[in-house]
Amino acid sequence: MLYVAMLRLLAIGLLSGVIAVPLLWLQQGDGFEYARLAALMAFVLGQFLTVPVGLVVGCVLAATGSWTHTPGYVLGTITTVFGAIVATQAWATMNWVDGESARLGDSDVESLTMFLAFFSGVATTLVGVAIVSFRWAGYDSQAAPVRQRGPRRYGRARRRPLSDVKDPSP
């Protein structure tokens, strides 16, 4: 039950790093590569704030038991796709930074940041796949395990034969 709320808030924290991109935009040069580098650096810096906040909120909500239902397909799919995009863009930017080390001031910092962005994208993809897997497996933390007797027909419970009903008259 605890990990379902944590998984949801971890996904939201990972996705919320985008909030910092317009606030921390520091583009060093002109062109798409410099813009991609600036966006990924701001995104990773934003995640240093949003992921811990999401995990703390997830712990509090899980401890109180107020938000424990399984996250849905939409959150899992968005998280998976977003993580894959971040990972591929970080990998491409990391390769570009390694080739442009003479033009960039301190390429070691950019390389490390792109490695963190790549790791973040892979982790985000895995969190999204875990959410989709939980939902696809039919896991629901709110439902108590119920033992069924016999097959269910047309979504309704099976009727008992009249011979099983006791006569209420004395």
N, C-alpha and C. Protein backbone atom coordinates (compact mmCIF):
# COMPACT_ATOMS: atom_id res chain seq x y z
N MET A 1 0.82 -1.19 0.00
CA MET A 1 0.00 0.00 0.00
C MET A 1 0.87 1.25 0.00
N LEU A 2 1.97 1.22 0.72
CA LEU A 2 2.86 2.37 0.79
C LEU A 2 3.51 2.63 -0.57
N TYR A 3 3.91 1.58 -1.25
CA TYR A 3 4.65 1.77 -2.49
C TYR A 3 3.77 2.27 -3.62
N VAL A 4 2.48 2.08 -3.56
CA VAL A 4 1.61 2.58 -4.63
C VAL A 4 1.54 4.10 -4.58
N ALA A 5 1.37 4.67 -3.40
CA ALA A 5 1.36 6.13 -3.27
C ALA A 5 2.74 6.70 -3.58
N MET A 6 3.78 6.01 -3.14
CA MET A 6 5.14 6.47 -3.42
C MET A 6 5.42 6.44 -4.92
N LEU A 7 4.95 5.40 -5.60
CA LEU A 7 5.17 5.28 -7.04
C LEU A 7 4.47 6.40 -7.79
N ARG A 8 3.25 6.72 -7.40
CA ARG A 8 2.50 7.80 -8.05
C ARG A 8 3.20 9.14 -7.83
N LEU A 9 3.57 9.44 -6.59
CA LEU A 9 4.18 10.73 -6.31
C LEU A 9 5.60 10.82 -6.85
N LEU A 10 6.31 9.69 -6.97
CA LEU A 10 7.62 9.70 -7.61
C LEU A 10 7.47 10.05 -9.09
N ALA A 11 6.48 9.48 -9.74
CA ALA A 11 6.23 9.81 -11.16
C ALA A 11 5.87 11.29 -11.31
N ILE A 12 5.04 11.80 -10.43
CA ILE A 12 4.66 13.21 -10.52
C ILE A 12 5.86 14.10 -10.23
N GLY A 13 6.71 13.71 -9.28
CA GLY A 13 7.91 14.48 -8.98
C GLY A 13 8.89 14.48 -10.14
N LEU A 14 9.05 13.33 -10.80
CA LEU A 14 9.94 13.26 -11.95
C LEU A 14 9.42 14.11 -13.11
N LEU A 15 8.13 14.08 -13.33
CA LEU A 15 7.54 14.88 -14.42
C LEU A 15 7.54 16.37 -14.09
N SER A 16 7.48 16.71 -12.81
CA SER A 16 7.37 18.11 -12.41
C SER A 16 8.67 18.88 -12.52
N GLY A 17 9.77 18.21 -12.83
CA GLY A 17 11.01 18.92 -13.05
C GLY A 17 10.92 19.89 -14.22
N VAL A 18 9.93 19.71 -15.07
CA VAL A 18 9.73 20.60 -16.22
C VAL A 18 9.38 22.01 -15.77
N ILE A 19 8.84 22.16 -14.59
CA ILE A 19 8.46 23.48 -14.10
C ILE A 19 9.66 24.41 -14.03
N ALA A 20 10.84 23.85 -13.74
CA ALA A 20 12.04 24.68 -13.57
C ALA A 20 12.68 25.10 -14.89
N VAL A 21 12.28 24.49 -15.99
CA VAL A 21 12.95 24.79 -17.27
C VAL A 21 12.86 26.27 -17.64
N PRO A 22 11.69 26.91 -17.62
CA PRO A 22 11.69 28.34 -17.97
C PRO A 22 12.35 29.22 -16.91
N LEU A 23 12.37 28.76 -15.67
CA LEU A 23 12.95 29.56 -14.59
C LEU A 23 14.48 29.52 -14.57
N LEU A 24 15.07 28.40 -14.95
CA LEU A 24 16.51 28.21 -14.87
C LEU A 24 17.19 28.14 -16.24
N TRP A 25 16.59 28.72 -17.24
CA TRP A 25 17.11 28.64 -18.61
C TRP A 25 18.39 29.47 -18.72
N LEU A 26 19.50 28.80 -18.98
CA LEU A 26 20.78 29.48 -19.16
C LEU A 26 21.43 28.98 -20.45
N GLN A 27 21.05 29.55 -21.57
CA GLN A 27 21.57 29.11 -22.86
C GLN A 27 22.88 29.84 -23.14
N GLN A 28 23.93 29.07 -23.52
CA GLN A 28 25.26 29.64 -23.72
C GLN A 28 25.52 30.06 -25.16
N GLY A 29 24.88 29.46 -26.11
CA GLY A 29 25.14 29.77 -27.51
C GLY A 29 23.86 29.73 -28.32
N ASP A 30 24.02 29.83 -29.64
CA ASP A 30 22.86 29.79 -30.54
C ASP A 30 22.75 28.41 -31.16
N GLY A 31 21.54 28.00 -31.44
CA GLY A 31 21.32 26.73 -32.12
C GLY A 31 20.56 25.74 -31.24
N PHE A 32 20.10 24.70 -31.91
CA PHE A 32 19.28 23.68 -31.24
C PHE A 32 20.05 22.94 -30.16
N GLU A 33 21.31 22.62 -30.40
CA GLU A 33 22.08 21.85 -29.43
C GLU A 33 22.25 22.61 -28.12
N TYR A 34 22.51 23.91 -28.22
CA TYR A 34 22.65 24.72 -27.01
C TYR A 34 21.33 24.85 -26.27
N ALA A 35 20.24 24.96 -27.01
CA ALA A 35 18.92 25.03 -26.38
C ALA A 35 18.58 23.72 -25.68
N ARG A 36 18.89 22.60 -26.33
CA ARG A 36 18.63 21.29 -25.72
C ARG A 36 19.47 21.10 -24.47
N LEU A 37 20.72 21.52 -24.51
CA LEU A 37 21.59 21.44 -23.35
C LEU A 37 21.05 22.27 -22.19
N ALA A 38 20.61 23.50 -22.48
CA ALA A 38 20.06 24.37 -21.45
C ALA A 38 18.78 23.80 -20.86
N ALA A 39 17.92 23.25 -21.71
CA ALA A 39 16.66 22.68 -21.23
C ALA A 39 16.90 21.46 -20.34
N LEU A 40 17.80 20.58 -20.74
CA LEU A 40 18.06 19.39 -19.93
C LEU A 40 18.76 19.74 -18.62
N MET A 41 19.65 20.73 -18.64
CA MET A 41 20.30 21.15 -17.39
C MET A 41 19.29 21.74 -16.43
N ALA A 42 18.38 22.59 -16.92
CA ALA A 42 17.35 23.16 -16.06
C ALA A 42 16.41 22.09 -15.55
N PHE A 43 16.10 21.11 -16.39
CA PHE A 43 15.22 20.01 -16.00
C PHE A 43 15.83 19.19 -14.86
N VAL A 44 17.11 18.86 -14.97
CA VAL A 44 17.77 18.08 -13.92
C VAL A 44 17.84 18.88 -12.62
N LEU A 45 18.14 20.17 -12.71
CA LEU A 45 18.16 21.00 -11.50
C LEU A 45 16.77 21.09 -10.87
N GLY A 46 15.75 21.16 -11.70
CA GLY A 46 14.38 21.19 -11.17
C GLY A 46 14.00 19.90 -10.48
N GLN A 47 14.50 18.78 -10.99
CA GLN A 47 14.19 17.50 -10.35
C GLN A 47 14.84 17.36 -8.99
N PHE A 48 15.95 18.05 -8.75
CA PHE A 48 16.54 18.01 -7.42
C PHE A 48 15.62 18.60 -6.37
N LEU A 49 14.69 19.43 -6.79
CA LEU A 49 13.70 19.99 -5.86
C LEU A 49 12.39 19.19 -5.88
N THR A 50 11.88 18.84 -7.05
CA THR A 50 10.54 18.25 -7.13
C THR A 50 10.49 16.79 -6.71
N VAL A 51 11.54 16.02 -6.95
CA VAL A 51 11.51 14.59 -6.57
C VAL A 51 11.49 14.42 -5.05
N PRO A 52 12.36 15.08 -4.28
CA PRO A 52 12.25 14.93 -2.82
C PRO A 52 10.92 15.42 -2.26
N VAL A 53 10.41 16.52 -2.82
CA VAL A 53 9.10 17.01 -2.35
C VAL A 53 8.02 15.96 -2.65
N GLY A 54 8.06 15.38 -3.85
CA GLY A 54 7.08 14.34 -4.20
C GLY A 54 7.19 13.12 -3.30
N LEU A 55 8.41 12.73 -2.95
CA LEU A 55 8.58 11.57 -2.07
C LEU A 55 8.10 11.85 -0.65
N VAL A 56 8.35 13.05 -0.15
CA VAL A 56 7.87 13.40 1.20
C VAL A 56 6.34 13.45 1.23
N VAL A 57 5.75 14.07 0.21
CA VAL A 57 4.29 14.11 0.13
C VAL A 57 3.74 12.70 -0.01
N GLY A 58 4.40 11.85 -0.79
CA GLY A 58 3.97 10.45 -0.94
C GLY A 58 4.04 9.70 0.37
N CYS A 59 5.08 9.92 1.17
CA CYS A 59 5.18 9.27 2.48
C CYS A 59 4.05 9.71 3.41
N VAL A 60 3.78 11.02 3.41
CA VAL A 60 2.71 11.53 4.27
C VAL A 60 1.35 10.98 3.84
N LEU A 61 1.07 10.99 2.56
CA LEU A 61 -0.22 10.49 2.08
C LEU A 61 -0.35 8.98 2.28
N ALA A 62 0.75 8.25 2.14
CA ALA A 62 0.70 6.81 2.36
C ALA A 62 0.54 6.50 3.84
N ALA A 63 1.17 7.29 4.72
CA ALA A 63 1.05 7.07 6.15
C ALA A 63 -0.36 7.34 6.64
N THR A 64 -1.01 8.35 6.06
CA THR A 64 -2.39 8.65 6.45
C THR A 64 -3.39 7.76 5.74
N GLY A 65 -2.95 7.10 4.67
CA GLY A 65 -3.84 6.20 3.93
C GLY A 65 -4.87 6.92 3.10
N SER A 66 -4.58 8.16 2.71
CA SER A 66 -5.59 8.93 1.99
C SER A 66 -5.49 8.85 0.47
N TRP A 67 -4.37 8.37 -0.07
CA TRP A 67 -4.23 8.33 -1.52
C TRP A 67 -3.49 7.07 -1.91
N THR A 68 -4.17 5.95 -1.83
CA THR A 68 -3.48 4.68 -2.02
C THR A 68 -4.00 3.87 -3.21
N HIS A 69 -4.95 4.37 -3.96
CA HIS A 69 -5.43 3.58 -5.09
C HIS A 69 -4.37 3.57 -6.20
N THR A 70 -4.41 2.53 -7.00
CA THR A 70 -3.39 2.31 -8.02
C THR A 70 -3.45 3.39 -9.09
N PRO A 71 -2.28 3.95 -9.48
CA PRO A 71 -2.29 4.94 -10.56
C PRO A 71 -2.76 4.32 -11.87
N GLY A 72 -3.23 5.15 -12.77
CA GLY A 72 -3.84 4.65 -14.00
C GLY A 72 -2.89 4.53 -15.16
N TYR A 73 -3.46 4.07 -16.27
CA TYR A 73 -2.71 3.89 -17.50
C TYR A 73 -2.18 5.21 -18.05
N VAL A 74 -2.94 6.29 -17.88
CA VAL A 74 -2.54 7.57 -18.46
C VAL A 74 -1.26 8.06 -17.81
N LEU A 75 -1.20 8.05 -16.48
CA LEU A 75 0.02 8.49 -15.80
C LEU A 75 1.20 7.60 -16.16
N GLY A 76 0.97 6.30 -16.22
CA GLY A 76 2.04 5.37 -16.56
C GLY A 76 2.54 5.56 -17.98
N THR A 77 1.63 5.78 -18.91
CA THR A 77 2.03 5.96 -20.31
C THR A 77 2.76 7.28 -20.50
N ILE A 78 2.25 8.35 -19.92
CA ILE A 78 2.91 9.66 -20.04
C ILE A 78 4.29 9.60 -19.41
N THR A 79 4.41 8.96 -18.26
CA THR A 79 5.70 8.85 -17.58
C THR A 79 6.68 8.04 -18.41
N THR A 80 6.23 6.94 -19.00
CA THR A 80 7.11 6.10 -19.82
C THR A 80 7.60 6.85 -21.05
N VAL A 81 6.70 7.49 -21.76
CA VAL A 81 7.08 8.21 -22.98
C VAL A 81 7.99 9.39 -22.64
N PHE A 82 7.66 10.12 -21.60
CA PHE A 82 8.47 11.26 -21.20
C PHE A 82 9.88 10.81 -20.81
N GLY A 83 9.98 9.73 -20.07
CA GLY A 83 11.29 9.22 -19.68
C GLY A 83 12.12 8.79 -20.87
N ALA A 84 11.47 8.16 -21.85
CA ALA A 84 12.19 7.75 -23.05
C ALA A 84 12.69 8.95 -23.84
N ILE A 85 11.89 10.00 -23.92
CA ILE A 85 12.31 11.21 -24.63
C ILE A 85 13.49 11.86 -23.92
N VAL A 86 13.41 11.97 -22.59
CA VAL A 86 14.51 12.58 -21.84
C VAL A 86 15.78 11.76 -22.00
N ALA A 87 15.68 10.44 -21.91
CA ALA A 87 16.87 9.59 -22.02
C ALA A 87 17.52 9.71 -23.40
N THR A 88 16.73 9.70 -24.45
CA THR A 88 17.31 9.79 -25.80
C THR A 88 17.91 11.17 -26.06
N GLN A 89 17.25 12.22 -25.59
CA GLN A 89 17.79 13.57 -25.79
C GLN A 89 19.05 13.79 -24.96
N ALA A 90 19.09 13.24 -23.76
CA ALA A 90 20.29 13.36 -22.93
C ALA A 90 21.45 12.59 -23.54
N TRP A 91 21.19 11.42 -24.10
CA TRP A 91 22.25 10.64 -24.75
C TRP A 91 22.82 11.40 -25.95
N ALA A 92 21.94 11.96 -26.76
CA ALA A 92 22.40 12.72 -27.93
C ALA A 92 23.17 13.97 -27.50
N THR A 93 22.71 14.64 -26.47
CA THR A 93 23.40 15.83 -25.99
C THR A 93 24.74 15.49 -25.36
N MET A 94 24.80 14.36 -24.67
CA MET A 94 26.06 13.92 -24.07
C MET A 94 27.10 13.67 -25.17
N ASN A 95 26.69 13.04 -26.26
CA ASN A 95 27.60 12.81 -27.39
C ASN A 95 28.02 14.13 -28.03
N TRP A 96 27.11 15.08 -28.14
CA TRP A 96 27.43 16.38 -28.71
C TRP A 96 28.40 17.14 -27.81
N VAL A 97 28.17 17.09 -26.49
CA VAL A 97 29.06 17.79 -25.55
C VAL A 97 30.47 17.22 -25.62
N ASP A 98 30.59 15.91 -25.74
CA ASP A 98 31.92 15.30 -25.84
C ASP A 98 32.64 15.74 -27.11
N GLY A 99 31.94 16.00 -28.17
CA GLY A 99 32.55 16.45 -29.42
C GLY A 99 32.83 17.94 -29.44
N GLU A 100 32.13 18.71 -28.61
CA GLU A 100 32.28 20.16 -28.60
C GLU A 100 33.06 20.65 -27.38
N SER A 101 33.96 19.87 -26.84
CA SER A 101 34.63 20.24 -25.61
C SER A 101 35.48 21.49 -25.76
N ALA A 102 35.99 21.79 -26.96
CA ALA A 102 36.81 22.99 -27.15
C ALA A 102 35.95 24.25 -27.15
N ARG A 103 34.70 24.16 -27.60
CA ARG A 103 33.85 25.36 -27.69
C ARG A 103 33.11 25.65 -26.40
N LEU A 104 32.89 24.62 -25.57
CA LEU A 104 32.20 24.82 -24.30
C LEU A 104 33.22 25.15 -23.21
N GLY A 105 32.82 25.93 -22.24
CA GLY A 105 33.74 26.32 -21.19
C GLY A 105 34.19 25.16 -20.34
N ASP A 106 33.28 24.54 -19.62
CA ASP A 106 33.61 23.42 -18.74
C ASP A 106 32.75 22.23 -19.17
N SER A 107 33.26 21.45 -20.07
CA SER A 107 32.45 20.37 -20.63
C SER A 107 32.26 19.21 -19.65
N ASP A 108 33.09 19.13 -18.61
CA ASP A 108 32.91 18.06 -17.62
C ASP A 108 31.61 18.24 -16.85
N VAL A 109 31.26 19.46 -16.52
CA VAL A 109 30.00 19.72 -15.81
C VAL A 109 28.82 19.38 -16.71
N GLU A 110 28.89 19.76 -17.97
CA GLU A 110 27.80 19.46 -18.89
C GLU A 110 27.68 17.95 -19.12
N SER A 111 28.82 17.27 -19.22
CA SER A 111 28.78 15.81 -19.40
C SER A 111 28.16 15.13 -18.20
N LEU A 112 28.54 15.57 -17.00
CA LEU A 112 27.97 14.99 -15.79
C LEU A 112 26.47 15.26 -15.70
N THR A 113 26.07 16.48 -16.05
CA THR A 113 24.64 16.83 -16.02
C THR A 113 23.86 16.00 -17.03
N MET A 114 24.43 15.78 -18.20
CA MET A 114 23.74 14.96 -19.20
C MET A 114 23.69 13.50 -18.78
N PHE A 115 24.70 13.02 -18.07
CA PHE A 115 24.64 11.67 -17.52
C PHE A 115 23.51 11.57 -16.50
N LEU A 116 23.39 12.58 -15.64
CA LEU A 116 22.29 12.59 -14.67
C LEU A 116 20.93 12.68 -15.37
N ALA A 117 20.85 13.44 -16.45
CA ALA A 117 19.61 13.52 -17.22
C ALA A 117 19.28 12.19 -17.87
N PHE A 118 20.31 11.50 -18.39
CA PHE A 118 20.09 10.18 -18.98
C PHE A 118 19.62 9.19 -17.91
N PHE A 119 20.25 9.20 -16.76
CA PHE A 119 19.85 8.33 -15.66
C PHE A 119 18.43 8.66 -15.21
N SER A 120 18.10 9.94 -15.16
CA SER A 120 16.75 10.35 -14.78
C SER A 120 15.72 9.87 -15.80
N GLY A 121 16.06 9.95 -17.09
CA GLY A 121 15.14 9.48 -18.13
C GLY A 121 14.91 7.98 -18.04
N VAL A 122 15.98 7.23 -17.79
CA VAL A 122 15.84 5.77 -17.65
C VAL A 122 15.00 5.44 -16.41
N ALA A 123 15.27 6.12 -15.30
CA ALA A 123 14.49 5.87 -14.08
C ALA A 123 13.02 6.25 -14.28
N THR A 124 12.76 7.34 -14.97
CA THR A 124 11.39 7.76 -15.25
C THR A 124 10.68 6.73 -16.13
N THR A 125 11.39 6.20 -17.11
CA THR A 125 10.81 5.16 -17.96
C THR A 125 10.47 3.92 -17.14
N LEU A 126 11.35 3.52 -16.25
CA LEU A 126 11.09 2.34 -15.41
C LEU A 126 9.92 2.56 -14.46
N VAL A 127 9.80 3.77 -13.91
CA VAL A 127 8.66 4.08 -13.04
C VAL A 127 7.36 4.01 -13.85
N GLY A 128 7.36 4.54 -15.06
CA GLY A 128 6.16 4.47 -15.91
C GLY A 128 5.79 3.05 -16.27
N VAL A 129 6.79 2.23 -16.59
CA VAL A 129 6.52 0.82 -16.91
C VAL A 129 5.98 0.09 -15.67
N ALA A 130 6.49 0.42 -14.49
CA ALA A 130 5.98 -0.21 -13.26
C ALA A 130 4.52 0.17 -13.02
N ILE A 131 4.18 1.43 -13.26
CA ILE A 131 2.79 1.87 -13.07
C ILE A 131 1.87 1.13 -14.04
N VAL A 132 2.26 1.06 -15.31
CA VAL A 132 1.44 0.36 -16.30
C VAL A 132 1.34 -1.13 -15.95
N SER A 133 2.42 -1.70 -15.48
CA SER A 133 2.41 -3.13 -15.12
C SER A 133 1.48 -3.41 -13.95
N PHE A 134 1.51 -2.55 -12.92
CA PHE A 134 0.59 -2.73 -11.80
C PHE A 134 -0.85 -2.65 -12.26
N ARG A 135 -1.15 -1.68 -13.11
CA ARG A 135 -2.53 -1.51 -13.58
C ARG A 135 -2.95 -2.66 -14.48
N TRP A 136 -2.04 -3.09 -15.35
CA TRP A 136 -2.36 -4.17 -16.28
C TRP A 136 -2.55 -5.49 -15.54
N ALA A 137 -1.82 -5.69 -14.46
CA ALA A 137 -1.95 -6.92 -13.68
C ALA A 137 -3.24 -6.93 -12.86
N GLY A 138 -3.94 -5.81 -12.82
CA GLY A 138 -5.20 -5.75 -12.09
C GLY A 138 -5.03 -5.50 -10.62
N TYR A 139 -3.85 -5.04 -10.20
CA TYR A 139 -3.61 -4.77 -8.79
C TYR A 139 -4.41 -3.57 -8.35
N ASP A 140 -5.11 -3.72 -7.24
CA ASP A 140 -5.84 -2.61 -6.63
C ASP A 140 -5.63 -2.68 -5.14
N SER A 141 -4.95 -1.69 -4.59
CA SER A 141 -4.61 -1.72 -3.17
C SER A 141 -5.82 -1.51 -2.27
N GLN A 142 -6.91 -0.98 -2.79
CA GLN A 142 -8.10 -0.74 -1.99
C GLN A 142 -8.98 -1.99 -1.85
N ALA A 143 -8.84 -2.91 -2.78
CA ALA A 143 -9.70 -4.09 -2.77
C ALA A 143 -9.13 -5.17 -1.85
N ALA A 144 -9.98 -5.72 -1.04
CA ALA A 144 -9.58 -6.83 -0.19
C ALA A 144 -9.67 -8.11 -1.00
N PRO A 145 -8.78 -9.07 -0.74
CA PRO A 145 -8.87 -10.32 -1.50
C PRO A 145 -10.19 -11.03 -1.20
N VAL A 146 -10.88 -11.41 -2.24
CA VAL A 146 -12.18 -12.06 -2.11
C VAL A 146 -12.09 -13.43 -2.76
N ARG A 147 -12.59 -14.43 -2.05
CA ARG A 147 -12.59 -15.78 -2.60
C ARG A 147 -13.91 -15.99 -3.32
N GLN A 148 -13.83 -16.34 -4.57
CA GLN A 148 -15.03 -16.58 -5.36
C GLN A 148 -15.29 -18.07 -5.44
N ARG A 149 -16.58 -18.39 -5.43
CA ARG A 149 -16.98 -19.79 -5.60
C ARG A 149 -17.59 -19.93 -6.98
N GLY A 150 -16.92 -20.64 -7.84
CA GLY A 150 -17.47 -20.90 -9.16
C GLY A 150 -17.25 -19.74 -10.10
N PRO A 151 -17.55 -19.95 -11.35
CA PRO A 151 -17.36 -18.90 -12.35
C PRO A 151 -18.45 -17.85 -12.27
N ARG A 152 -18.11 -16.64 -12.62
CA ARG A 152 -19.10 -15.57 -12.66
C ARG A 152 -19.63 -15.47 -14.08
N ARG A 153 -20.94 -15.26 -14.18
CA ARG A 153 -21.57 -15.16 -15.49
C ARG A 153 -22.12 -13.75 -15.69
N TYR A 154 -21.73 -13.14 -16.80
CA TYR A 154 -22.25 -11.85 -17.23
C TYR A 154 -22.08 -10.76 -16.17
N GLY A 155 -21.03 -10.84 -15.36
CA GLY A 155 -20.73 -9.79 -14.40
C GLY A 155 -21.60 -9.81 -13.16
N ARG A 156 -22.51 -10.78 -13.02
CA ARG A 156 -23.34 -10.84 -11.82
C ARG A 156 -22.96 -12.06 -11.01
N ALA A 157 -23.27 -12.00 -9.75
CA ALA A 157 -22.98 -13.14 -8.88
C ALA A 157 -23.87 -14.32 -9.26
N ARG A 158 -23.37 -15.51 -9.06
CA ARG A 158 -24.12 -16.71 -9.37
C ARG A 158 -25.28 -16.88 -8.39
N ARG A 159 -26.44 -17.24 -8.90
CA ARG A 159 -27.62 -17.44 -8.04
C ARG A 159 -27.59 -18.82 -7.41
N ARG A 160 -28.10 -18.86 -6.19
CA ARG A 160 -28.19 -20.16 -5.52
C ARG A 160 -29.47 -20.85 -5.95
N PRO A 161 -29.41 -22.15 -6.07
CA PRO A 161 -30.64 -22.86 -6.41
C PRO A 161 -31.64 -22.76 -5.25
N LEU A 162 -32.93 -22.90 -5.58
CA LEU A 162 -33.97 -22.81 -4.55
C LEU A 162 -33.85 -23.92 -3.52
N SER A 163 -33.23 -25.02 -3.86
CA SER A 163 -33.10 -26.11 -2.90
C SER A 163 -32.15 -25.75 -1.76
N ASP A 164 -31.29 -24.73 -1.96
CA ASP A 164 -30.38 -24.31 -0.91
C ASP A 164 -31.03 -23.33 0.08
N VAL A 165 -32.20 -22.77 -0.29
CA VAL A 165 -32.87 -21.81 0.57
C VAL A 165 -33.66 -22.55 1.64
N LYS A 166 -33.47 -22.14 2.90
CA LYS A 166 -34.19 -22.78 4.00
C LYS A 166 -35.60 -22.22 4.11
N ASP A 167 -36.49 -23.05 4.53
CA ASP A 167 -37.88 -22.65 4.71
C ASP A 167 -37.99 -21.84 6.00
N PRO A 168 -38.46 -20.57 5.92
CA PRO A 168 -38.55 -19.75 7.11
C PRO A 168 -39.75 -20.10 8.00
N SER A 169 -40.70 -20.90 7.53
CA SER A 169 -41.88 -21.21 8.34
C SER A 169 -41.53 -22.27 9.41
N PRO A 170 -42.15 -22.17 10.60
CA PRO A 170 -41.85 -23.12 11.70
C PRO A 170 -42.48 -24.47 11.55
